[in-house]
Amino acid sequence: MCGMELDPVYTEALTPREFLGVYAHQSHDIQSVRVMPPVLGERGFGRILVERRSPVFRRGGRSATLAR
């Protein structure tokens, strides 16, 4: 049997578009939100750091997530 290892993630750095999706469908699970402004010279509008009440499970190695 081939299993996939998943890591619990409590904190994620999301794009504004990703944040709107999480907020629309999982606002009850958001514990705190912190806006991270864009870095000069990079594309985009920065990131939104979202801390969740309960974990979501992701495959390891996703750079935009932080494990608790």
PDB file of N, CA and C in Angstrom:
ATOM      1  N   MET A   1       0.849  -1.178   0.000  1.00  0.00           N
ATOM      2  CA  MET A   1       0.000   0.000   0.000  1.00  0.00           C
ATOM      3  C   MET A   1       0.889   1.233   0.000  1.00  0.00           C
ATOM      4  N   CYS A   2       0.576   2.175  -0.843  1.00  0.00           N
ATOM      5  CA  CYS A   2       1.339   3.413  -0.960  1.00  0.00           C
ATOM      6  C   CYS A   2       0.591   4.528  -0.248  1.00  0.00           C
ATOM      7  N   GLY A   3       1.164   5.028   0.856  1.00  0.00           N
ATOM      8  CA  GLY A   3       0.495   6.074   1.626  1.00  0.00           C
ATOM      9  C   GLY A   3       1.100   7.433   1.341  1.00  0.00           C
ATOM     10  N   MET A   4       0.335   8.439   1.599  1.00  0.00           N
ATOM     11  CA  MET A   4       0.790   9.802   1.421  1.00  0.00           C
ATOM     12  C   MET A   4       0.904  10.429   2.804  1.00  0.00           C
ATOM     13  N   GLU A   5       2.070  10.970   3.115  1.00  0.00           N
ATOM     14  CA  GLU A   5       2.269  11.570   4.420  1.00  0.00           C
ATOM     15  C   GLU A   5       1.779  13.017   4.409  1.00  0.00           C
ATOM     16  N   LEU A   6       0.905  13.340   5.355  1.00  0.00           N
ATOM     17  CA  LEU A   6       0.340  14.679   5.463  1.00  0.00           C
ATOM     18  C   LEU A   6       0.775  15.308   6.779  1.00  0.00           C
ATOM     19  N   ASP A   7       1.074  16.588   6.725  1.00  0.00           N
ATOM     20  CA  ASP A   7       1.493  17.324   7.914  1.00  0.00           C
ATOM     21  C   ASP A   7       0.383  18.266   8.346  1.00  0.00           C
ATOM     22  N   PRO A   8       0.152  18.403   9.661  1.00  0.00           N
ATOM     23  CA  PRO A   8      -0.842  19.371  10.135  1.00  0.00           C
ATOM     24  C   PRO A   8      -0.296  20.792  10.000  1.00  0.00           C
ATOM     25  N   VAL A   9      -1.090  21.680   9.455  1.00  0.00           N
ATOM     26  CA  VAL A   9      -0.687  23.069   9.263  1.00  0.00           C
ATOM     27  C   VAL A   9      -1.693  23.968   9.975  1.00  0.00           C
ATOM     28  N   TYR A  10      -1.201  24.785  10.894  1.00  0.00           N
ATOM     29  CA  TYR A  10      -2.053  25.723  11.617  1.00  0.00           C
ATOM     30  C   TYR A  10      -1.946  27.139  11.059  1.00  0.00           C
ATOM     31  N   THR A  11      -0.796  27.471  10.470  1.00  0.00           N
ATOM     32  CA  THR A  11      -0.553  28.831   9.988  1.00  0.00           C
ATOM     33  C   THR A  11      -0.153  28.782   8.525  1.00  0.00           C
ATOM     34  N   GLU A  12      -0.797  29.633   7.716  1.00  0.00           N
ATOM     35  CA  GLU A  12      -0.495  29.694   6.288  1.00  0.00           C
ATOM     36  C   GLU A  12      -0.317  31.136   5.856  1.00  0.00           C
ATOM     37  N   ALA A  13       0.592  31.359   4.923  1.00  0.00           N
ATOM     38  CA  ALA A  13       0.750  32.658   4.282  1.00  0.00           C
ATOM     39  C   ALA A  13       0.024  32.574   2.937  1.00  0.00           C
ATOM     40  N   LEU A  14      -1.105  33.267   2.829  1.00  0.00           N
ATOM     41  CA  LEU A  14      -1.974  33.172   1.659  1.00  0.00           C
ATOM     42  C   LEU A  14      -1.925  34.443   0.824  1.00  0.00           C
ATOM     43  N   THR A  15      -2.217  34.298  -0.470  1.00  0.00           N
ATOM     44  CA  THR A  15      -2.416  35.476  -1.306  1.00  0.00           C
ATOM     45  C   THR A  15      -3.764  36.078  -0.918  1.00  0.00           C
ATOM     46  N   PRO A  16      -4.002  37.344  -1.262  1.00  0.00           N
ATOM     47  CA  PRO A  16      -5.322  37.914  -0.964  1.00  0.00           C
ATOM     48  C   PRO A  16      -6.468  37.099  -1.567  1.00  0.00           C
ATOM     49  N   ARG A  17      -6.298  36.572  -2.751  1.00  0.00           N
ATOM     50  CA  ARG A  17      -7.342  35.760  -3.394  1.00  0.00           C
ATOM     51  C   ARG A  17      -7.592  34.471  -2.614  1.00  0.00           C
ATOM     52  N   GLU A  18      -6.515  33.801  -2.192  1.00  0.00           N
ATOM     53  CA  GLU A  18      -6.664  32.577  -1.399  1.00  0.00           C
ATOM     54  C   GLU A  18      -7.355  32.882  -0.065  1.00  0.00           C
ATOM     55  N   PHE A  19      -6.979  34.015   0.553  1.00  0.00           N
ATOM     56  CA  PHE A  19      -7.583  34.398   1.827  1.00  0.00           C
ATOM     57  C   PHE A  19      -9.088  34.598   1.693  1.00  0.00           C
ATOM     58  N   LEU A  20      -9.520  35.251   0.621  1.00  0.00           N
ATOM     59  CA  LEU A  20     -10.950  35.472   0.427  1.00  0.00           C
ATOM     60  C   LEU A  20     -11.709  34.156   0.326  1.00  0.00           C
ATOM     61  N   GLY A  21     -11.108  33.158  -0.311  1.00  0.00           N
ATOM     62  CA  GLY A  21     -11.736  31.850  -0.397  1.00  0.00           C
ATOM     63  C   GLY A  21     -11.840  31.177   0.962  1.00  0.00           C
ATOM     64  N   VAL A  22     -10.765  31.239   1.743  1.00  0.00           N
ATOM     65  CA  VAL A  22     -10.784  30.654   3.092  1.00  0.00           C
ATOM     66  C   VAL A  22     -11.793  31.393   3.956  1.00  0.00           C
ATOM     67  N   TYR A  23     -11.800  32.708   3.875  1.00  0.00           N
ATOM     68  CA  TYR A  23     -12.715  33.509   4.697  1.00  0.00           C
ATOM     69  C   TYR A  23     -14.178  33.230   4.350  1.00  0.00           C
ATOM     70  N   ALA A  24     -14.453  33.059   3.073  1.00  0.00           N
ATOM     71  CA  ALA A  24     -15.831  32.821   2.637  1.00  0.00           C
ATOM     72  C   ALA A  24     -16.362  31.460   3.098  1.00  0.00           C
ATOM     73  N   HIS A  25     -15.489  30.458   3.150  1.00  0.00           N
ATOM     74  CA  HIS A  25     -15.951  29.104   3.435  1.00  0.00           C
ATOM     75  C   HIS A  25     -15.550  28.567   4.807  1.00  0.00           C
ATOM     76  N   GLN A  26     -14.538  29.181   5.440  1.00  0.00           N
ATOM     77  CA  GLN A  26     -14.031  28.629   6.697  1.00  0.00           C
ATOM     78  C   GLN A  26     -13.748  29.719   7.729  1.00  0.00           C
ATOM     79  N   SER A  27     -14.522  30.784   7.727  1.00  0.00           N
ATOM     80  CA  SER A  27     -14.253  31.898   8.648  1.00  0.00           C
ATOM     81  C   SER A  27     -14.337  31.472  10.105  1.00  0.00           C
ATOM     82  N   HIS A  28     -15.139  30.465  10.409  1.00  0.00           N
ATOM     83  CA  HIS A  28     -15.261  29.968  11.784  1.00  0.00           C
ATOM     84  C   HIS A  28     -13.964  29.350  12.291  1.00  0.00           C
ATOM     85  N   ASP A  29     -13.075  28.968  11.383  1.00  0.00           N
ATOM     86  CA  ASP A  29     -11.826  28.296  11.754  1.00  0.00           C
ATOM     87  C   ASP A  29     -10.642  29.258  11.831  1.00  0.00           C
ATOM     88  N   ILE A  30     -10.839  30.529  11.554  1.00  0.00           N
ATOM     89  CA  ILE A  30      -9.747  31.502  11.583  1.00  0.00           C
ATOM     90  C   ILE A  30      -9.597  32.049  12.995  1.00  0.00           C
ATOM     91  N   GLN A  31      -8.395  31.884  13.536  1.00  0.00           N
ATOM     92  CA  GLN A  31      -8.117  32.388  14.880  1.00  0.00           C
ATOM     93  C   GLN A  31      -7.561  33.806  14.826  1.00  0.00           C
ATOM     94  N   SER A  32      -6.604  34.052  13.921  1.00  0.00           N
ATOM     95  CA  SER A  32      -6.052  35.400  13.783  1.00  0.00           C
ATOM     96  C   SER A  32      -5.567  35.614  12.354  1.00  0.00           C
ATOM     97  N   VAL A  33      -5.464  36.884  11.996  1.00  0.00           N
ATOM     98  CA  VAL A  33      -5.039  37.282  10.653  1.00  0.00           C
ATOM     99  C   VAL A  33      -4.039  38.418  10.790  1.00  0.00           C
ATOM    100  N   ARG A  34      -2.951  38.336  10.031  1.00  0.00           N
ATOM    101  CA  ARG A  34      -1.962  39.418  10.018  1.00  0.00           C
ATOM    102  C   ARG A  34      -1.577  39.698   8.567  1.00  0.00           C
ATOM    103  N   VAL A  35      -1.639  40.961   8.170  1.00  0.00           N
ATOM    104  CA  VAL A  35      -1.308  41.350   6.802  1.00  0.00           C
ATOM    105  C   VAL A  35       0.200  41.548   6.700  1.00  0.00           C
ATOM    106  N   MET A  36       0.786  40.896   5.710  1.00  0.00           N
ATOM    107  CA  MET A  36       2.213  41.034   5.430  1.00  0.00           C
ATOM    108  C   MET A  36       2.336  41.849   4.141  1.00  0.00           C
ATOM    109  N   PRO A  37       2.817  43.096   4.224  1.00  0.00           N
ATOM    110  CA  PRO A  37       2.862  43.953   3.031  1.00  0.00           C
ATOM    111  C   PRO A  37       3.777  43.376   1.955  1.00  0.00           C
ATOM    112  N   PRO A  38       3.580  43.827   0.717  1.00  0.00           N
ATOM    113  CA  PRO A  38       4.422  43.330  -0.371  1.00  0.00           C
ATOM    114  C   PRO A  38       5.871  43.775  -0.192  1.00  0.00           C
ATOM    115  N   VAL A  39       6.777  42.994  -0.758  1.00  0.00           N
ATOM    116  CA  VAL A  39       8.198  43.313  -0.737  1.00  0.00           C
ATOM    117  C   VAL A  39       8.502  44.127  -1.988  1.00  0.00           C
ATOM    118  N   LEU A  40       9.212  45.214  -1.807  1.00  0.00           N
ATOM    119  CA  LEU A  40       9.561  46.086  -2.924  1.00  0.00           C
ATOM    120  C   LEU A  40      10.281  45.293  -4.017  1.00  0.00           C
ATOM    121  N   GLY A  41       9.803  45.406  -5.232  1.00  0.00           N
ATOM    122  CA  GLY A  41      10.400  44.724  -6.365  1.00  0.00           C
ATOM    123  C   GLY A  41       9.757  43.390  -6.702  1.00  0.00           C
ATOM    124  N   GLU A  42       8.899  42.860  -5.817  1.00  0.00           N
ATOM    125  CA  GLU A  42       8.214  41.607  -6.097  1.00  0.00           C
ATOM    126  C   GLU A  42       6.804  41.885  -6.596  1.00  0.00           C
ATOM    127  N   ARG A  43       6.280  40.949  -7.365  1.00  0.00           N
ATOM    128  CA  ARG A  43       4.920  41.083  -7.880  1.00  0.00           C
ATOM    129  C   ARG A  43       3.918  40.754  -6.787  1.00  0.00           C
ATOM    130  N   GLY A  44       2.724  41.286  -6.945  1.00  0.00           N
ATOM    131  CA  GLY A  44       1.641  40.919  -6.053  1.00  0.00           C
ATOM    132  C   GLY A  44       1.355  41.968  -4.994  1.00  0.00           C
ATOM    133  N   PHE A  45       0.432  41.616  -4.104  1.00  0.00           N
ATOM    134  CA  PHE A  45      -0.046  42.532  -3.082  1.00  0.00           C
ATOM    135  C   PHE A  45       0.324  42.068  -1.684  1.00  0.00           C
ATOM    136  N   GLY A  46       1.373  41.273  -1.566  1.00  0.00           N
ATOM    137  CA  GLY A  46       1.780  40.779  -0.265  1.00  0.00           C
ATOM    138  C   GLY A  46       1.061  39.490   0.080  1.00  0.00           C
ATOM    139  N   ARG A  47       1.133  39.126   1.335  1.00  0.00           N
ATOM    140  CA  ARG A  47       0.518  37.893   1.819  1.00  0.00           C
ATOM    141  C   ARG A  47      -0.317  38.183   3.057  1.00  0.00           C
ATOM    142  N   ILE A  48      -1.175  37.264   3.374  1.00  0.00           N
ATOM    143  CA  ILE A  48      -1.989  37.360   4.579  1.00  0.00           C
ATOM    144  C   ILE A  48      -1.705  36.114   5.399  1.00  0.00           C
ATOM    145  N   LEU A  49      -1.175  36.317   6.599  1.00  0.00           N
ATOM    146  CA  LEU A  49      -0.826  35.220   7.485  1.00  0.00           C
ATOM    147  C   LEU A  49      -2.059  34.854   8.295  1.00  0.00           C
ATOM    148  N   VAL A  50      -2.549  33.635   8.103  1.00  0.00           N
ATOM    149  CA  VAL A  50      -3.778  33.170   8.736  1.00  0.00           C
ATOM    150  C   VAL A  50      -3.423  32.057   9.719  1.00  0.00           C
ATOM    151  N   GLU A  51      -3.820  32.248  10.971  1.00  0.00           N
ATOM    152  CA  GLU A  51      -3.659  31.197  11.968  1.00  0.00           C
ATOM    153  C   GLU A  51      -5.026  30.560  12.185  1.00  0.00           C
ATOM    154  N   ARG A  52      -5.069  29.238  12.081  1.00  0.00           N
ATOM    155  CA  ARG A  52      -6.327  28.498  12.192  1.00  0.00           C
ATOM    156  C   ARG A  52      -6.510  27.922  13.592  1.00  0.00           C
ATOM    157  N   ARG A  53      -7.754  27.698  13.954  1.00  0.00           N
ATOM    158  CA  ARG A  53      -8.071  27.049  15.237  1.00  0.00           C
ATOM    159  C   ARG A  53      -7.760  25.556  15.183  1.00  0.00           C
ATOM    160  N   SER A  54      -8.045  24.930  14.065  1.00  0.00           N
ATOM    161  CA  SER A  54      -7.762  23.504  13.889  1.00  0.00           C
ATOM    162  C   SER A  54      -6.921  23.346  12.621  1.00  0.00           C
ATOM    163  N   PRO A  55      -6.113  22.305  12.554  1.00  0.00           N
ATOM    164  CA  PRO A  55      -5.189  22.180  11.423  1.00  0.00           C
ATOM    165  C   PRO A  55      -5.875  21.759  10.131  1.00  0.00           C
ATOM    166  N   VAL A  56      -5.237  22.129   9.039  1.00  0.00           N
ATOM    167  CA  VAL A  56      -5.545  21.526   7.741  1.00  0.00           C
ATOM    168  C   VAL A  56      -4.347  20.636   7.441  1.00  0.00           C
ATOM    169  N   PHE A  57      -4.533  19.618   6.667  1.00  0.00           N
ATOM    170  CA  PHE A  57      -3.450  18.676   6.408  1.00  0.00           C
ATOM    171  C   PHE A  57      -2.961  18.840   4.981  1.00  0.00           C
ATOM    172  N   ARG A  58      -1.660  19.049   4.847  1.00  0.00           N
ATOM    173  CA  ARG A  58      -1.020  19.275   3.547  1.00  0.00           C
ATOM    174  C   ARG A  58       0.159  18.321   3.397  1.00  0.00           C
ATOM    175  N   ARG A  59       0.504  18.038   2.157  1.00  0.00           N
ATOM    176  CA  ARG A  59       1.733  17.292   1.905  1.00  0.00           C
ATOM    177  C   ARG A  59       2.908  18.147   2.336  1.00  0.00           C
ATOM    178  N   GLY A  60       3.931  17.535   2.887  1.00  0.00           N
ATOM    179  CA  GLY A  60       5.109  18.257   3.367  1.00  0.00           C
ATOM    180  C   GLY A  60       5.819  19.018   2.260  1.00  0.00           C
ATOM    181  N   GLY A  61       6.510  20.082   2.647  1.00  0.00           N
ATOM    182  CA  GLY A  61       7.315  20.823   1.701  1.00  0.00           C
ATOM    183  C   GLY A  61       6.662  22.032   1.079  1.00  0.00           C
ATOM    184  N   ARG A  62       5.425  22.339   1.435  1.00  0.00           N
ATOM    185  CA  ARG A  62       4.797  23.539   0.871  1.00  0.00           C
ATOM    186  C   ARG A  62       5.398  24.758   1.544  1.00  0.00           C
ATOM    187  N   SER A  63       6.038  25.622   0.770  1.00  0.00           N
ATOM    188  CA  SER A  63       6.806  26.730   1.330  1.00  0.00           C
ATOM    189  C   SER A  63       5.933  27.807   1.969  1.00  0.00           C
ATOM    190  N   ALA A  64       4.665  27.873   1.617  1.00  0.00           N
ATOM    191  CA  ALA A  64       3.808  28.942   2.125  1.00  0.00           C
ATOM    192  C   ALA A  64       3.156  28.586   3.455  1.00  0.00           C
ATOM    193  N   THR A  65       3.499  27.438   4.004  1.00  0.00           N
ATOM    194  CA  THR A  65       2.851  27.027   5.247  1.00  0.00           C
ATOM    195  C   THR A  65       3.862  26.876   6.356  1.00  0.00           C
ATOM    196  N   LEU A  66       3.379  27.017   7.560  1.00  0.00           N
ATOM    197  CA  LEU A  66       4.215  26.853   8.740  1.00  0.00           C
ATOM    198  C   LEU A  66       3.531  25.890   9.680  1.00  0.00           C
ATOM    199  N   ALA A  67       4.223  24.896  10.155  1.00  0.00           N
ATOM    200  CA  ALA A  67       3.648  23.957  11.120  1.00  0.00           C
ATOM    201  C   ALA A  67       3.778  24.551  12.522  1.00  0.00           C
ATOM    202  N   ARG A  68       2.838  24.249  13.369  1.00  0.00           N
ATOM    203  CA  ARG A  68       2.865  24.759  14.745  1.00  0.00           C
ATOM    204  C   ARG A  68       3.783  23.931  15.600  1.00  0.00           C
TER     205      ARG A  68
END
